[in-house]
Amino acid sequence: MNGHEHYAEAERLLAIAERGSTGMTDLTTDEISRMTAGAQVHAILALAAATALPTQRMLITDSLQGWFKAVEGVEPEVDD
């Protein structure tokens, strides 16, 4: 998995855990806790990957496009 995939997985797991904690699914308390812990791990890995991105004059790379898509659901426009 790359950084933006970790971010998306963290969001997915948190959404499932939230539905479980509000009684919308049949998840047990232990399953909700495991999903929340898994989401935290993926979020930390996403943060580590984002921190490793270059900070000066970032070029629009495949990895950066993946971040835009994961965070905002859209792909950035690339200037030619």
Protein backbone atom coordinates (compact mmCIF):
# COMPACT_ATOMS: atom_id res chain seq x y z
CA MET A 1 0.00 0.00 0.00
CA ASN A 2 1.09 3.54 -0.63
CA GLY A 3 0.28 6.60 1.45
CA HIS A 4 -2.98 7.61 -0.13
CA GLU A 5 -4.21 4.02 -0.05
CA HIS A 6 -3.47 3.92 3.70
CA TYR A 7 -5.46 7.16 4.09
CA ALA A 8 -8.44 5.74 2.19
CA GLU A 9 -8.34 2.51 4.24
CA ALA A 10 -8.29 4.49 7.48
CA GLU A 11 -11.36 6.43 6.33
CA ARG A 12 -13.12 3.21 5.32
CA LEU A 13 -12.45 1.46 8.63
CA LEU A 14 -13.55 4.49 10.63
CA ALA A 15 -16.80 4.71 8.69
CA ILE A 16 -17.55 1.04 9.42
CA ALA A 17 -16.66 1.46 13.10
CA GLU A 18 -18.86 4.55 13.35
CA ARG A 19 -21.83 2.71 11.85
CA GLY A 20 -21.21 -0.10 14.35
CA SER A 21 -21.03 2.23 17.33
CA THR A 22 -24.39 3.79 16.43
CA GLY A 23 -26.08 0.40 16.14
CA MET A 24 -26.35 0.43 12.35
CA THR A 25 -24.49 -2.89 12.05
CA ASP A 26 -24.17 -6.04 14.14
CA LEU A 27 -20.53 -5.39 15.08
CA THR A 28 -19.46 -6.27 18.59
CA THR A 29 -17.60 -3.82 20.81
CA ASP A 30 -14.41 -5.83 20.25
CA GLU A 31 -14.82 -5.66 16.46
CA ILE A 32 -15.40 -1.91 16.62
CA SER A 33 -12.26 -1.54 18.75
CA ARG A 34 -10.21 -3.59 16.28
CA MET A 35 -11.49 -1.54 13.34
CA THR A 36 -10.67 1.70 15.14
CA ALA A 37 -7.17 0.45 15.99
CA GLY A 38 -6.63 -0.66 12.40
CA ALA A 39 -7.78 2.75 11.17
CA GLN A 40 -5.28 4.41 13.51
CA VAL A 41 -2.43 2.30 12.13
CA HIS A 42 -3.37 3.16 8.54
CA ALA A 43 -3.69 6.85 9.43
CA ILE A 44 -0.21 6.86 10.99
CA LEU A 45 1.25 5.17 7.91
CA ALA A 46 -0.52 7.70 5.68
CA LEU A 47 0.91 10.53 7.79
CA ALA A 48 4.41 9.07 7.50
CA ALA A 49 4.05 8.84 3.73
CA ALA A 50 2.71 12.40 3.47
CA THR A 51 5.55 13.71 5.63
CA ALA A 52 8.04 12.11 3.25
CA LEU A 53 6.72 14.07 0.24
CA PRO A 54 9.14 16.69 -1.05
CA THR A 55 8.39 20.17 0.26
CA GLN A 56 10.07 22.36 -2.34
CA ARG A 57 8.44 22.85 -5.73
CA MET A 58 6.44 19.65 -5.66
CA LEU A 59 5.81 18.18 -9.07
CA ILE A 60 2.47 16.55 -9.79
CA THR A 61 3.49 12.91 -9.67
CA ASP A 62 1.36 9.78 -9.67
CA SER A 63 1.76 9.61 -5.89
CA LEU A 64 0.65 13.21 -5.39
CA GLN A 65 -2.31 12.72 -7.74
CA GLY A 66 -3.31 9.75 -5.60
CA TRP A 67 -3.30 11.98 -2.51
CA PHE A 68 -5.56 14.55 -4.16
CA LYS A 69 -7.96 11.82 -5.20
CA ALA A 70 -8.00 10.18 -1.75
CA VAL A 71 -8.44 13.40 0.19
CA GLU A 72 -10.74 15.37 -2.06
CA GLY A 73 -12.11 12.77 -4.45
CA VAL A 74 -10.77 14.69 -7.44
CA GLU A 75 -7.62 14.67 -9.49
CA PRO A 76 -5.64 17.92 -9.81
CA GLU A 77 -5.24 19.66 -13.13
CA VAL A 78 -1.70 19.41 -14.46
CA ASP A 79 -0.15 22.44 -16.18
CA ASP A 80 1.80 21.45 -19.26
